[in-house]
Amino acid sequence: GEAMRKEVELRDRVDSERPVAPLRPAEDAIIIDTDNLDLEQVVDRILDEVRAKK
């Protein structure tokens, strides 16, 4: 629950702020906000992006 969320947020912040090889999305990355989406909705969103690129 809440403890897990905080651990993930801390991990992500540490990874993105580290001085050597910080974790960053690629310049051409497509960011898909999956908050509040179920698995089927996430897959649909990804497929929409793939189809739009064709």
PDB file of N, CA and C in Angstrom:
ATOM      1  N   GLY A   1       0.797  -1.173   0.000  1.00  0.00           N
ATOM      2  CA  GLY A   1       0.000   0.000   0.000  1.00  0.00           C
ATOM      3  C   GLY A   1       0.848   1.247   0.000  1.00  0.00           C
ATOM      4  N   GLU A   2       0.621   2.058   0.977  1.00  0.00           N
ATOM      5  CA  GLU A   2       1.276   3.372   1.071  1.00  0.00           C
ATOM      6  C   GLU A   2       2.791   3.246   1.214  1.00  0.00           C
ATOM      7  N   ALA A   3       3.262   2.307   2.017  1.00  0.00           N
ATOM      8  CA  ALA A   3       4.711   2.127   2.209  1.00  0.00           C
ATOM      9  C   ALA A   3       5.383   1.740   0.900  1.00  0.00           C
ATOM     10  N   MET A   4       4.754   0.864   0.143  1.00  0.00           N
ATOM     11  CA  MET A   4       5.306   0.439  -1.144  1.00  0.00           C
ATOM     12  C   MET A   4       5.385   1.615  -2.110  1.00  0.00           C
ATOM     13  N   ARG A   5       4.333   2.430  -2.147  1.00  0.00           N
ATOM     14  CA  ARG A   5       4.313   3.600  -3.030  1.00  0.00           C
ATOM     15  C   ARG A   5       5.459   4.540  -2.695  1.00  0.00           C
ATOM     16  N   LYS A   6       5.676   4.774  -1.406  1.00  0.00           N
ATOM     17  CA  LYS A   6       6.759   5.666  -0.982  1.00  0.00           C
ATOM     18  C   LYS A   6       8.124   5.089  -1.348  1.00  0.00           C
ATOM     19  N   GLU A   7       8.288   3.784  -1.209  1.00  0.00           N
ATOM     20  CA  GLU A   7       9.554   3.143  -1.584  1.00  0.00           C
ATOM     21  C   GLU A   7       9.825   3.300  -3.076  1.00  0.00           C
ATOM     22  N   VAL A   8       8.801   3.116  -3.888  1.00  0.00           N
ATOM     23  CA  VAL A   8       8.958   3.252  -5.341  1.00  0.00           C
ATOM     24  C   VAL A   8       9.281   4.701  -5.704  1.00  0.00           C
ATOM     25  N   GLU A   9       8.595   5.652  -5.080  1.00  0.00           N
ATOM     26  CA  GLU A   9       8.873   7.061  -5.348  1.00  0.00           C
ATOM     27  C   GLU A   9      10.306   7.415  -4.972  1.00  0.00           C
ATOM     28  N   LEU A  10      10.779   6.930  -3.830  1.00  0.00           N
ATOM     29  CA  LEU A  10      12.155   7.183  -3.410  1.00  0.00           C
ATOM     30  C   LEU A  10      13.136   6.563  -4.394  1.00  0.00           C
ATOM     31  N   ARG A  11      12.901   5.318  -4.779  1.00  0.00           N
ATOM     32  CA  ARG A  11      13.774   4.640  -5.743  1.00  0.00           C
ATOM     33  C   ARG A  11      13.844   5.426  -7.050  1.00  0.00           C
ATOM     34  N   ASP A  12      12.693   5.860  -7.546  1.00  0.00           N
ATOM     35  CA  ASP A  12      12.658   6.597  -8.807  1.00  0.00           C
ATOM     36  C   ASP A  12      13.394   7.928  -8.692  1.00  0.00           C
ATOM     37  N   ARG A  13      13.232   8.622  -7.578  1.00  0.00           N
ATOM     38  CA  ARG A  13      13.912   9.905  -7.387  1.00  0.00           C
ATOM     39  C   ARG A  13      15.418   9.700  -7.324  1.00  0.00           C
ATOM     40  N   VAL A  14      15.862   8.705  -6.568  1.00  0.00           N
ATOM     41  CA  VAL A  14      17.300   8.416  -6.459  1.00  0.00           C
ATOM     42  C   VAL A  14      17.862   8.052  -7.831  1.00  0.00           C
ATOM     43  N   ASP A  15      17.158   7.200  -8.567  1.00  0.00           N
ATOM     44  CA  ASP A  15      17.628   6.779  -9.891  1.00  0.00           C
ATOM     45  C   ASP A  15      17.714   7.943 -10.866  1.00  0.00           C
ATOM     46  N   SER A  16      16.772   8.865 -10.816  1.00  0.00           N
ATOM     47  CA  SER A  16      16.760   9.968 -11.779  1.00  0.00           C
ATOM     48  C   SER A  16      17.695  11.108 -11.388  1.00  0.00           C
ATOM     49  N   GLU A  17      18.119  11.173 -10.125  1.00  0.00           N
ATOM     50  CA  GLU A  17      18.982  12.264  -9.671  1.00  0.00           C
ATOM     51  C   GLU A  17      20.427  11.846  -9.446  1.00  0.00           C
ATOM     52  N   ARG A  18      20.747  10.569  -9.669  1.00  0.00           N
ATOM     53  CA  ARG A  18      22.124  10.131  -9.423  1.00  0.00           C
ATOM     54  C   ARG A  18      23.070  10.823 -10.410  1.00  0.00           C
ATOM     55  N   PRO A  19      24.307  11.114  -9.975  1.00  0.00           N
ATOM     56  CA  PRO A  19      25.240  11.870 -10.823  1.00  0.00           C
ATOM     57  C   PRO A  19      25.750  11.084 -12.034  1.00  0.00           C
ATOM     58  N   VAL A  20      25.850   9.770 -11.922  1.00  0.00           N
ATOM     59  CA  VAL A  20      26.354   8.961 -13.027  1.00  0.00           C
ATOM     60  C   VAL A  20      25.188   8.191 -13.646  1.00  0.00           C
ATOM     61  N   ALA A  21      25.005   8.375 -14.941  1.00  0.00           N
ATOM     62  CA  ALA A  21      23.967   7.670 -15.704  1.00  0.00           C
ATOM     63  C   ALA A  21      22.583   7.768 -15.060  1.00  0.00           C
ATOM     64  N   PRO A  22      22.089   8.992 -14.850  1.00  0.00           N
ATOM     65  CA  PRO A  22      20.750   9.110 -14.264  1.00  0.00           C
ATOM     66  C   PRO A  22      19.697   8.504 -15.188  1.00  0.00           C
ATOM     67  N   LEU A  23      18.693   7.933 -14.585  1.00  0.00           N
ATOM     68  CA  LEU A  23      17.614   7.301 -15.335  1.00  0.00           C
ATOM     69  C   LEU A  23      16.718   8.376 -15.940  1.00  0.00           C
ATOM     70  N   ARG A  24      16.655   8.405 -17.275  1.00  0.00           N
ATOM     71  CA  ARG A  24      15.842   9.381 -17.992  1.00  0.00           C
ATOM     72  C   ARG A  24      15.148   8.687 -19.164  1.00  0.00           C
ATOM     73  N   PRO A  25      13.946   9.129 -19.506  1.00  0.00           N
ATOM     74  CA  PRO A  25      13.313   8.571 -20.706  1.00  0.00           C
ATOM     75  C   PRO A  25      14.065   9.045 -21.952  1.00  0.00           C
ATOM     76  N   ALA A  26      14.056   8.240 -22.989  1.00  0.00           N
ATOM     77  CA  ALA A  26      14.670   8.634 -24.255  1.00  0.00           C
ATOM     78  C   ALA A  26      13.959   9.874 -24.788  1.00  0.00           C
ATOM     79  N   GLU A  27      14.675  10.665 -25.600  1.00  0.00           N
ATOM     80  CA  GLU A  27      14.082  11.893 -26.137  1.00  0.00           C
ATOM     81  C   GLU A  27      12.816  11.619 -26.934  1.00  0.00           C
ATOM     82  N   ASP A  28      12.773  10.481 -27.624  1.00  0.00           N
ATOM     83  CA  ASP A  28      11.608  10.168 -28.451  1.00  0.00           C
ATOM     84  C   ASP A  28      10.625   9.223 -27.747  1.00  0.00           C
ATOM     85  N   ALA A  29      10.778   9.068 -26.446  1.00  0.00           N
ATOM     86  CA  ALA A  29       9.891   8.175 -25.688  1.00  0.00           C
ATOM     87  C   ALA A  29       8.470   8.719 -25.660  1.00  0.00           C
ATOM     88  N   ILE A  30       7.537   7.829 -25.674  1.00  0.00           N
ATOM     89  CA  ILE A  30       6.130   8.186 -25.500  1.00  0.00           C
ATOM     90  C   ILE A  30       5.767   7.826 -24.066  1.00  0.00           C
ATOM     91  N   ILE A  31       5.378   8.817 -23.302  1.00  0.00           N
ATOM     92  CA  ILE A  31       5.033   8.609 -21.898  1.00  0.00           C
ATOM     93  C   ILE A  31       3.528   8.350 -21.808  1.00  0.00           C
ATOM     94  N   ILE A  32       3.172   7.222 -21.256  1.00  0.00           N
ATOM     95  CA  ILE A  32       1.764   6.864 -21.092  1.00  0.00           C
ATOM     96  C   ILE A  32       1.463   6.800 -19.599  1.00  0.00           C
ATOM     97  N   ASP A  33       0.584   7.676 -19.160  1.00  0.00           N
ATOM     98  CA  ASP A  33       0.180   7.700 -17.753  1.00  0.00           C
ATOM     99  C   ASP A  33      -0.790   6.548 -17.518  1.00  0.00           C
ATOM    100  N   THR A  34      -0.349   5.558 -16.775  1.00  0.00           N
ATOM    101  CA  THR A  34      -1.173   4.373 -16.530  1.00  0.00           C
ATOM    102  C   THR A  34      -1.912   4.437 -15.198  1.00  0.00           C
ATOM    103  N   ASP A  35      -1.764   5.552 -14.490  1.00  0.00           N
ATOM    104  CA  ASP A  35      -2.507   5.701 -13.240  1.00  0.00           C
ATOM    105  C   ASP A  35      -3.999   5.556 -13.529  1.00  0.00           C
ATOM    106  N   ASN A  36      -4.662   4.824 -12.704  1.00  0.00           N
ATOM    107  CA  ASN A  36      -6.117   4.644 -12.780  1.00  0.00           C
ATOM    108  C   ASN A  36      -6.588   3.903 -14.028  1.00  0.00           C
ATOM    109  N   LEU A  37      -5.683   3.195 -14.721  1.00  0.00           N
ATOM    110  CA  LEU A  37      -6.078   2.378 -15.863  1.00  0.00           C
ATOM    111  C   LEU A  37      -5.905   0.911 -15.505  1.00  0.00           C
ATOM    112  N   ASP A  38      -6.821   0.080 -15.990  1.00  0.00           N
ATOM    113  CA  ASP A  38      -6.625  -1.353 -15.791  1.00  0.00           C
ATOM    114  C   ASP A  38      -5.744  -1.887 -16.925  1.00  0.00           C
ATOM    115  N   LEU A  39      -5.381  -3.147 -16.852  1.00  0.00           N
ATOM    116  CA  LEU A  39      -4.458  -3.729 -17.823  1.00  0.00           C
ATOM    117  C   LEU A  39      -4.966  -3.580 -19.254  1.00  0.00           C
ATOM    118  N   GLU A  40      -6.230  -3.866 -19.470  1.00  0.00           N
ATOM    119  CA  GLU A  40      -6.790  -3.770 -20.825  1.00  0.00           C
ATOM    120  C   GLU A  40      -6.706  -2.340 -21.360  1.00  0.00           C
ATOM    121  N   GLN A  41      -6.964  -1.359 -20.518  1.00  0.00           N
ATOM    122  CA  GLN A  41      -6.879   0.037 -20.938  1.00  0.00           C
ATOM    123  C   GLN A  41      -5.444   0.428 -21.272  1.00  0.00           C
ATOM    124  N   VAL A  42      -4.488  -0.072 -20.510  1.00  0.00           N
ATOM    125  CA  VAL A  42      -3.076   0.209 -20.786  1.00  0.00           C
ATOM    126  C   VAL A  42      -2.687  -0.367 -22.144  1.00  0.00           C
ATOM    127  N   VAL A  43      -3.064  -1.615 -22.386  1.00  0.00           N
ATOM    128  CA  VAL A  43      -2.753  -2.250 -23.672  1.00  0.00           C
ATOM    129  C   VAL A  43      -3.402  -1.466 -24.810  1.00  0.00           C
ATOM    130  N   ASP A  44      -4.649  -1.059 -24.648  1.00  0.00           N
ATOM    131  CA  ASP A  44      -5.331  -0.272 -25.681  1.00  0.00           C
ATOM    132  C   ASP A  44      -4.596   1.033 -25.954  1.00  0.00           C
ATOM    133  N   ARG A  45      -4.140   1.694 -24.914  1.00  0.00           N
ATOM    134  CA  ARG A  45      -3.422   2.962 -25.070  1.00  0.00           C
ATOM    135  C   ARG A  45      -2.115   2.745 -25.825  1.00  0.00           C
ATOM    136  N   ILE A  46      -1.400   1.680 -25.490  1.00  0.00           N
ATOM    137  CA  ILE A  46      -0.149   1.359 -26.184  1.00  0.00           C
ATOM    138  C   ILE A  46      -0.429   1.064 -27.657  1.00  0.00           C
ATOM    139  N   LEU A  47      -1.434   0.246 -27.924  1.00  0.00           N
ATOM    140  CA  LEU A  47      -1.771  -0.080 -29.311  1.00  0.00           C
ATOM    141  C   LEU A  47      -2.185   1.164 -30.094  1.00  0.00           C
ATOM    142  N   ASP A  48      -2.900   2.082 -29.463  1.00  0.00           N
ATOM    143  CA  ASP A  48      -3.257   3.342 -30.121  1.00  0.00           C
ATOM    144  C   ASP A  48      -2.007   4.103 -30.542  1.00  0.00           C
ATOM    145  N   GLU A  49      -1.013   4.148 -29.667  1.00  0.00           N
ATOM    146  CA  GLU A  49       0.236   4.850 -29.981  1.00  0.00           C
ATOM    147  C   GLU A  49       0.975   4.170 -31.130  1.00  0.00           C
ATOM    148  N   VAL A  50       1.017   2.841 -31.107  1.00  0.00           N
ATOM    149  CA  VAL A  50       1.694   2.096 -32.179  1.00  0.00           C
ATOM    150  C   VAL A  50       0.999   2.354 -33.508  1.00  0.00           C
ATOM    151  N   ARG A  51      -0.311   2.294 -33.521  1.00  0.00           N
ATOM    152  CA  ARG A  51      -1.068   2.519 -34.765  1.00  0.00           C
ATOM    153  C   ARG A  51      -0.880   3.945 -35.277  1.00  0.00           C
ATOM    154  N   ALA A  52      -0.793   4.904 -34.383  1.00  0.00           N
ATOM    155  CA  ALA A  52      -0.619   6.302 -34.785  1.00  0.00           C
ATOM    156  C   ALA A  52       0.740   6.533 -35.442  1.00  0.00           C
ATOM    157  N   LYS A  53       1.723   5.719 -35.112  1.00  0.00           N
ATOM    158  CA  LYS A  53       3.071   5.862 -35.675  1.00  0.00           C
ATOM    159  C   LYS A  53       3.187   5.273 -37.072  1.00  0.00           C
ATOM    160  N   LYS A  54       2.220   4.440 -37.476  1.00  0.00           N
ATOM    161  CA  LYS A  54       2.298   3.790 -38.799  1.00  0.00           C
ATOM    162  C   LYS A  54       1.856   4.710 -39.906  1.00  0.00           C
TER     163      LYS A  54
END
